[in-house]
Amino acid sequence: MKSKRPLCLIIFFIVFFIILCVIAFCINLAYQGISNIEISILTALSFLPTVAIAVIAYTQLTKLVDTNLDEALLALDKQWRTREIIKARMIVDKYFQEKYRINPETKNNYKAAIAKVSDDIFKLSRPESKKELKKGNSEFIYVLSLIELLETIGFLYAEGNDEIKSQIKKLFKDSVTFYYPACEKYIINAMGKPDRPKRFKYFTDVYNEFQCDR
């Protein structure tokens, strides 16, 4: 999702230059019997409306680009707040709270607790009994939706301009740096499969970058 402004600006000025050349050529043909000073004045006066129109057009173009970027971020924020994603976040948080606040082995130890959560999420994806299969199917599907959404966020961050990167970092930095290690064992296992080695590449990349900023 690279910024469209540089490309739009280049196209805009190329078209604008061509228009000016055509106008100048037409004026030169129309006023061949007039002095050079008069031609210059008439040319300048003819260019004024063109310049005004061009400025207005470019202003509207940049506003349209900004609107599209804002709408994309708004849609992403709305998706983050959907029932399915909220349910997934609650599932992961439930495992984390149990490990961080209750389990004596990992109580008040963030790294140990999040590592155990990663084990739990991985087990959800690998049920070993009918009971676990039923639970895993219901809970893991939600968590997988969350991981896929975070992969999309990572992709938009990687492909976005500085403005997009800044907004995504502001909105999702804490979430990315929490949910990646919470699901890391499953993610690493999924990326290790030869048929889809880059399945969660963007989520991994954005996590690594955000983690370096901490």
C-alpha atoms as a PDB file:
ATOM      1  CA  MET A   1       0.000   0.000   0.000  1.00  0.00           C
ATOM      2  CA  LYS A   2       2.606   2.481  -1.104  1.00  0.00           C
ATOM      3  CA  SER A   3       1.768   6.166  -1.150  1.00  0.00           C
ATOM      4  CA  LYS A   4       0.176   7.246  -4.427  1.00  0.00           C
ATOM      5  CA  ARG A   5       1.264  10.861  -4.033  1.00  0.00           C
ATOM      6  CA  PRO A   6       4.688  10.716  -5.775  1.00  0.00           C
ATOM      7  CA  LEU A   7       3.270   8.914  -8.828  1.00  0.00           C
ATOM      8  CA  CYS A   8       0.248  11.199  -8.970  1.00  0.00           C
ATOM      9  CA  LEU A   9       2.493  14.232  -8.693  1.00  0.00           C
ATOM     10  CA  ILE A  10       4.731  13.078 -11.562  1.00  0.00           C
ATOM     11  CA  ILE A  11       1.756  12.316 -13.843  1.00  0.00           C
ATOM     12  CA  PHE A  12       0.130  15.586 -12.871  1.00  0.00           C
ATOM     13  CA  PHE A  13       3.137  17.724 -13.828  1.00  0.00           C
ATOM     14  CA  ILE A  14       3.731  15.822 -17.086  1.00  0.00           C
ATOM     15  CA  VAL A  15       0.137  16.423 -18.172  1.00  0.00           C
ATOM     16  CA  PHE A  16       0.312  20.019 -16.941  1.00  0.00           C
ATOM     17  CA  PHE A  17       3.494  20.656 -18.936  1.00  0.00           C
ATOM     18  CA  ILE A  18       1.949  19.203 -22.100  1.00  0.00           C
ATOM     19  CA  ILE A  19      -1.122  21.431 -21.671  1.00  0.00           C
ATOM     20  CA  LEU A  20       1.043  24.520 -21.276  1.00  0.00           C
ATOM     21  CA  CYS A  21       3.056  23.641 -24.383  1.00  0.00           C
ATOM     22  CA  VAL A  22      -0.122  23.187 -26.441  1.00  0.00           C
ATOM     23  CA  ILE A  23      -1.532  26.507 -25.205  1.00  0.00           C
ATOM     24  CA  ALA A  24       1.713  28.323 -25.971  1.00  0.00           C
ATOM     25  CA  PHE A  25       1.831  26.803 -29.466  1.00  0.00           C
ATOM     26  CA  CYS A  26      -1.764  27.763 -30.201  1.00  0.00           C
ATOM     27  CA  ILE A  27      -1.240  31.328 -28.987  1.00  0.00           C
ATOM     28  CA  ASN A  28       1.874  31.654 -31.110  1.00  0.00           C
ATOM     29  CA  LEU A  29      -0.084  30.618 -34.209  1.00  0.00           C
ATOM     30  CA  ALA A  30      -3.002  32.909 -33.409  1.00  0.00           C
ATOM     31  CA  TYR A  31      -0.939  36.011 -32.782  1.00  0.00           C
ATOM     32  CA  GLN A  32       1.864  35.839 -35.325  1.00  0.00           C
ATOM     33  CA  GLY A  33       1.230  39.436 -36.365  1.00  0.00           C
ATOM     34  CA  ILE A  34       1.459  40.842 -32.847  1.00  0.00           C
ATOM     35  CA  SER A  35       4.629  42.012 -31.113  1.00  0.00           C
ATOM     36  CA  ASN A  36       6.574  39.695 -28.803  1.00  0.00           C
ATOM     37  CA  ILE A  37       5.650  41.762 -25.708  1.00  0.00           C
ATOM     38  CA  GLU A  38       1.940  41.499 -26.458  1.00  0.00           C
ATOM     39  CA  ILE A  39       2.252  37.748 -27.070  1.00  0.00           C
ATOM     40  CA  SER A  40       4.013  37.332 -23.731  1.00  0.00           C
ATOM     41  CA  ILE A  41       1.277  39.252 -21.897  1.00  0.00           C
ATOM     42  CA  LEU A  42      -1.502  37.278 -23.591  1.00  0.00           C
ATOM     43  CA  THR A  43       0.293  33.996 -22.913  1.00  0.00           C
ATOM     44  CA  ALA A  44       0.704  34.823 -19.244  1.00  0.00           C
ATOM     45  CA  LEU A  45      -2.966  35.799 -18.954  1.00  0.00           C
ATOM     46  CA  SER A  46      -4.008  32.584 -20.690  1.00  0.00           C
ATOM     47  CA  PHE A  47      -1.924  30.499 -18.309  1.00  0.00           C
ATOM     48  CA  LEU A  48      -3.520  31.926 -15.167  1.00  0.00           C
ATOM     49  CA  PRO A  49      -6.819  30.008 -15.435  1.00  0.00           C
ATOM     50  CA  THR A  50      -4.898  26.850 -16.334  1.00  0.00           C
ATOM     51  CA  VAL A  51      -2.656  27.199 -13.288  1.00  0.00           C
ATOM     52  CA  ALA A  52      -5.676  27.841 -11.046  1.00  0.00           C
ATOM     53  CA  ILE A  53      -7.470  24.752 -12.373  1.00  0.00           C
ATOM     54  CA  ALA A  54      -4.315  22.666 -11.978  1.00  0.00           C
ATOM     55  CA  VAL A  55      -3.824  23.745  -8.366  1.00  0.00           C
ATOM     56  CA  ILE A  56      -7.442  22.923  -7.532  1.00  0.00           C
ATOM     57  CA  ALA A  57      -7.199  19.544  -9.263  1.00  0.00           C
ATOM     58  CA  TYR A  58      -4.025  18.575  -7.439  1.00  0.00           C
ATOM     59  CA  THR A  59      -5.492  19.670  -4.091  1.00  0.00           C
ATOM     60  CA  GLN A  60      -8.551  17.489  -4.675  1.00  0.00           C
ATOM     61  CA  LEU A  61      -6.328  14.581  -5.752  1.00  0.00           C
ATOM     62  CA  THR A  62      -4.250  14.686  -2.570  1.00  0.00           C
ATOM     63  CA  LYS A  63      -7.430  14.918  -0.483  1.00  0.00           C
ATOM     64  CA  LEU A  64      -8.755  11.801  -2.245  1.00  0.00           C
ATOM     65  CA  VAL A  65      -5.549   9.882  -1.472  1.00  0.00           C
ATOM     66  CA  ASP A  66      -5.713  10.960   2.182  1.00  0.00           C
ATOM     67  CA  THR A  67      -9.362   9.905   2.341  1.00  0.00           C
ATOM     68  CA  ASN A  68      -8.558   6.442   0.953  1.00  0.00           C
ATOM     69  CA  LEU A  69      -5.773   5.942   3.503  1.00  0.00           C
ATOM     70  CA  ASP A  70      -8.022   7.098   6.339  1.00  0.00           C
ATOM     71  CA  GLU A  71     -10.798   4.760   5.194  1.00  0.00           C
ATOM     72  CA  ALA A  72      -8.373   1.824   5.049  1.00  0.00           C
ATOM     73  CA  LEU A  73      -7.219   2.465   8.630  1.00  0.00           C
ATOM     74  CA  LEU A  74     -10.803   2.946   9.781  1.00  0.00           C
ATOM     75  CA  ALA A  75     -11.831  -0.373   8.205  1.00  0.00           C
ATOM     76  CA  LEU A  76      -8.887  -2.085   9.898  1.00  0.00           C
ATOM     77  CA  ASP A  77      -9.832  -0.598  13.253  1.00  0.00           C
ATOM     78  CA  LYS A  78     -13.440  -1.729  12.805  1.00  0.00           C
ATOM     79  CA  GLN A  79     -12.317  -5.263  11.958  1.00  0.00           C
ATOM     80  CA  TRP A  80     -10.177  -5.285  15.096  1.00  0.00           C
ATOM     81  CA  ARG A  81     -13.350  -4.643  17.117  1.00  0.00           C
ATOM     82  CA  THR A  82     -15.533  -7.320  15.525  1.00  0.00           C
ATOM     83  CA  ARG A  83     -17.095  -9.995  17.711  1.00  0.00           C
ATOM     84  CA  GLU A  84     -14.836 -12.750  16.360  1.00  0.00           C
ATOM     85  CA  ILE A  85     -11.607 -10.834  16.986  1.00  0.00           C
ATOM     86  CA  ILE A  86     -12.722  -9.716  20.443  1.00  0.00           C
ATOM     87  CA  LYS A  87     -13.531 -13.357  21.240  1.00  0.00           C
ATOM     88  CA  ALA A  88     -10.048 -14.402  20.078  1.00  0.00           C
ATOM     89  CA  ARG A  89      -8.397 -11.721  22.190  1.00  0.00           C
ATOM     90  CA  MET A  90     -10.407 -12.876  25.204  1.00  0.00           C
ATOM     91  CA  ILE A  91      -9.256 -16.468  24.667  1.00  0.00           C
ATOM     92  CA  VAL A  92      -5.580 -15.513  24.560  1.00  0.00           C
ATOM     93  CA  ASP A  93      -6.006 -13.152  27.512  1.00  0.00           C
ATOM     94  CA  LYS A  94      -7.693 -15.912  29.533  1.00  0.00           C
ATOM     95  CA  TYR A  95      -4.673 -18.163  29.097  1.00  0.00           C
ATOM     96  CA  PHE A  96      -2.293 -15.324  29.907  1.00  0.00           C
ATOM     97  CA  GLN A  97      -4.129 -14.250  33.070  1.00  0.00           C
ATOM     98  CA  GLU A  98      -4.167 -17.828  34.332  1.00  0.00           C
ATOM     99  CA  LYS A  99      -0.425 -18.211  33.771  1.00  0.00           C
ATOM    100  CA  TYR A 100       0.640 -14.741  34.916  1.00  0.00           C
ATOM    101  CA  ARG A 101      -1.614 -14.282  37.949  1.00  0.00           C
ATOM    102  CA  ILE A 102      -2.527 -17.779  39.180  1.00  0.00           C
ATOM    103  CA  ASN A 103      -0.087 -20.485  38.106  1.00  0.00           C
ATOM    104  CA  PRO A 104       2.643 -20.603  40.819  1.00  0.00           C
ATOM    105  CA  GLU A 105       5.299 -21.631  38.283  1.00  0.00           C
ATOM    106  CA  THR A 106       4.861 -18.552  36.123  1.00  0.00           C
ATOM    107  CA  LYS A 107       3.125 -16.064  38.423  1.00  0.00           C
ATOM    108  CA  ASN A 108       4.333 -12.476  37.877  1.00  0.00           C
ATOM    109  CA  ASN A 109       6.907 -13.711  35.357  1.00  0.00           C
ATOM    110  CA  TYR A 110       5.877 -12.198  32.029  1.00  0.00           C
ATOM    111  CA  LYS A 111       8.304 -14.089  29.782  1.00  0.00           C
ATOM    112  CA  ALA A 112       7.583 -17.448  31.403  1.00  0.00           C
ATOM    113  CA  ALA A 113       3.835 -16.812  31.348  1.00  0.00           C
ATOM    114  CA  ILE A 114       3.747 -15.779  27.686  1.00  0.00           C
ATOM    115  CA  ALA A 115       5.860 -18.822  26.746  1.00  0.00           C
ATOM    116  CA  LYS A 116       3.308 -21.081  28.458  1.00  0.00           C
ATOM    117  CA  VAL A 117       0.492 -19.305  26.627  1.00  0.00           C
ATOM    118  CA  SER A 118       2.314 -20.017  23.378  1.00  0.00           C
ATOM    119  CA  ASP A 119       2.373 -23.712  24.329  1.00  0.00           C
ATOM    120  CA  ASP A 120      -1.356 -23.620  25.091  1.00  0.00           C
ATOM    121  CA  ILE A 121      -2.234 -21.992  21.768  1.00  0.00           C
ATOM    122  CA  PHE A 122      -0.124 -24.526  19.918  1.00  0.00           C
ATOM    123  CA  LYS A 123      -1.920 -27.370  21.743  1.00  0.00           C
ATOM    124  CA  LEU A 124      -5.253 -25.903  20.657  1.00  0.00           C
ATOM    125  CA  SER A 125      -4.107 -26.387  17.070  1.00  0.00           C
ATOM    126  CA  ARG A 126      -3.085 -30.001  17.790  1.00  0.00           C
ATOM    127  CA  PRO A 127      -5.949 -31.642  19.734  1.00  0.00           C
ATOM    128  CA  GLU A 128      -5.124 -35.140  21.015  1.00  0.00           C
ATOM    129  CA  SER A 129      -8.573 -36.259  22.167  1.00  0.00           C
ATOM    130  CA  LYS A 130     -12.214 -35.796  21.229  1.00  0.00           C
ATOM    131  CA  LYS A 131     -12.659 -33.380  24.120  1.00  0.00           C
ATOM    132  CA  GLU A 132      -9.627 -31.375  23.046  1.00  0.00           C
ATOM    133  CA  LEU A 133     -10.773 -31.567  19.429  1.00  0.00           C
ATOM    134  CA  LYS A 134     -14.113 -29.983  20.292  1.00  0.00           C
ATOM    135  CA  LYS A 135     -12.489 -27.288  22.418  1.00  0.00           C
ATOM    136  CA  GLY A 136      -9.663 -26.746  19.973  1.00  0.00           C
ATOM    137  CA  ASN A 137     -11.951 -26.338  16.993  1.00  0.00           C
ATOM    138  CA  SER A 138     -14.052 -23.709  18.728  1.00  0.00           C
ATOM    139  CA  GLU A 139     -11.242 -21.721  20.334  1.00  0.00           C
ATOM    140  CA  PHE A 140      -8.421 -22.111  17.845  1.00  0.00           C
ATOM    141  CA  ILE A 141     -10.500 -20.939  14.870  1.00  0.00           C
ATOM    142  CA  TYR A 142     -10.999 -17.641  16.679  1.00  0.00           C
ATOM    143  CA  VAL A 143      -7.299 -17.357  17.520  1.00  0.00           C
ATOM    144  CA  LEU A 144      -6.340 -18.191  13.945  1.00  0.00           C
ATOM    145  CA  SER A 145      -8.586 -15.363  12.719  1.00  0.00           C
ATOM    146  CA  LEU A 146      -6.716 -13.030  15.046  1.00  0.00           C
ATOM    147  CA  ILE A 147      -3.341 -14.215  13.735  1.00  0.00           C
ATOM    148  CA  GLU A 148      -4.479 -13.766  10.130  1.00  0.00           C
ATOM    149  CA  LEU A 149      -5.674 -10.233  10.882  1.00  0.00           C
ATOM    150  CA  LEU A 150      -2.332  -9.385  12.475  1.00  0.00           C
ATOM    151  CA  GLU A 151      -0.649 -10.761   9.350  1.00  0.00           C
ATOM    152  CA  THR A 152      -2.754  -8.325   7.320  1.00  0.00           C
ATOM    153  CA  ILE A 153      -1.726  -5.496   9.627  1.00  0.00           C
ATOM    154  CA  GLY A 154       1.899  -6.510   9.116  1.00  0.00           C
ATOM    155  CA  PHE A 155       1.428  -6.485   5.343  1.00  0.00           C
ATOM    156  CA  LEU A 156      -0.137  -3.025   5.375  1.00  0.00           C
ATOM    157  CA  TYR A 157       2.710  -1.802   7.560  1.00  0.00           C
ATOM    158  CA  ALA A 158       5.339  -3.239   5.223  1.00  0.00           C
ATOM    159  CA  GLU A 159       3.695  -1.808   2.095  1.00  0.00           C
ATOM    160  CA  GLY A 160       2.575   1.505   3.572  1.00  0.00           C
ATOM    161  CA  ASN A 161       4.147   4.933   3.457  1.00  0.00           C
ATOM    162  CA  ASP A 162       5.489   6.736   6.531  1.00  0.00           C
ATOM    163  CA  GLU A 163       2.030   8.036   7.433  1.00  0.00           C
ATOM    164  CA  ILE A 164       0.502   4.560   7.336  1.00  0.00           C
ATOM    165  CA  LYS A 165       3.404   3.094   9.334  1.00  0.00           C
ATOM    166  CA  SER A 166       3.008   5.788  11.988  1.00  0.00           C
ATOM    167  CA  GLN A 167      -0.742   5.200  12.343  1.00  0.00           C
ATOM    168  CA  ILE A 168      -0.430   1.401  12.486  1.00  0.00           C
ATOM    169  CA  LYS A 169       2.334   1.640  15.070  1.00  0.00           C
ATOM    170  CA  LYS A 170       0.192   3.987  17.161  1.00  0.00           C
ATOM    171  CA  LEU A 171      -2.883   1.735  16.938  1.00  0.00           C
ATOM    172  CA  PHE A 172      -1.420  -1.776  17.041  1.00  0.00           C
ATOM    173  CA  LYS A 173       2.127  -1.766  18.447  1.00  0.00           C
ATOM    174  CA  ASP A 174       1.127  -3.073  21.892  1.00  0.00           C
ATOM    175  CA  SER A 175      -1.163  -5.701  20.391  1.00  0.00           C
ATOM    176  CA  VAL A 176       1.467  -6.946  17.941  1.00  0.00           C
ATOM    177  CA  THR A 177       4.143  -7.219  20.641  1.00  0.00           C
ATOM    178  CA  PHE A 178       1.748  -9.141  22.904  1.00  0.00           C
ATOM    179  CA  TYR A 179      -0.025 -11.510  20.533  1.00  0.00           C
ATOM    180  CA  TYR A 180       3.003 -12.570  18.526  1.00  0.00           C
ATOM    181  CA  PRO A 181       4.891 -14.203  21.440  1.00  0.00           C
ATOM    182  CA  ALA A 182       1.563 -15.554  22.721  1.00  0.00           C
ATOM    183  CA  CYS A 183       1.108 -17.426  19.421  1.00  0.00           C
ATOM    184  CA  GLU A 184       4.783 -17.792  18.500  1.00  0.00           C
ATOM    185  CA  LYS A 185       5.050 -21.569  18.718  1.00  0.00           C
ATOM    186  CA  TYR A 186       2.159 -22.081  16.306  1.00  0.00           C
ATOM    187  CA  ILE A 187       3.461 -19.359  13.956  1.00  0.00           C
ATOM    188  CA  ILE A 188       6.984 -20.801  13.821  1.00  0.00           C
ATOM    189  CA  ASN A 189       5.579 -24.275  13.222  1.00  0.00           C
ATOM    190  CA  ALA A 190       3.327 -22.989  10.426  1.00  0.00           C
ATOM    191  CA  MET A 191       6.205 -21.093   8.778  1.00  0.00           C
ATOM    192  CA  GLY A 192       8.344 -24.221   8.919  1.00  0.00           C
ATOM    193  CA  LYS A 193       6.069 -26.045   6.490  1.00  0.00           C
ATOM    194  CA  PRO A 194       7.659 -26.279   3.015  1.00  0.00           C
ATOM    195  CA  ASP A 195       4.405 -25.532   1.181  1.00  0.00           C
ATOM    196  CA  ARG A 196       3.861 -22.180   2.964  1.00  0.00           C
ATOM    197  CA  PRO A 197       7.194 -20.954   4.367  1.00  0.00           C
ATOM    198  CA  LYS A 198       6.110 -17.301   4.364  1.00  0.00           C
ATOM    199  CA  ARG A 199       2.620 -17.740   5.755  1.00  0.00           C
ATOM    200  CA  PHE A 200       3.072 -15.297   8.652  1.00  0.00           C
ATOM    201  CA  LYS A 201       6.091 -13.411   7.363  1.00  0.00           C
ATOM    202  CA  TYR A 202       4.584  -9.931   7.689  1.00  0.00           C
ATOM    203  CA  PHE A 203       3.318 -10.511  11.233  1.00  0.00           C
ATOM    204  CA  THR A 204       6.795 -11.758  12.169  1.00  0.00           C
ATOM    205  CA  ASP A 205       8.541  -8.834  10.485  1.00  0.00           C
ATOM    206  CA  VAL A 206       6.369  -6.164  12.071  1.00  0.00           C
ATOM    207  CA  TYR A 207       6.770  -7.806  15.481  1.00  0.00           C
ATOM    208  CA  ASN A 208      10.550  -7.815  15.151  1.00  0.00           C
ATOM    209  CA  GLU A 209      10.562  -4.160  14.153  1.00  0.00           C
ATOM    210  CA  PHE A 210       8.231  -3.082  16.962  1.00  0.00           C
ATOM    211  CA  GLN A 211      10.189  -5.156  19.452  1.00  0.00           C
ATOM    212  CA  CYS A 212      13.413  -3.334  18.499  1.00  0.00           C
ATOM    213  CA  ASP A 213      11.696  -0.015  19.268  1.00  0.00           C
ATOM    214  CA  ARG A 214      10.868  -0.978  22.842  1.00  0.00           C
END
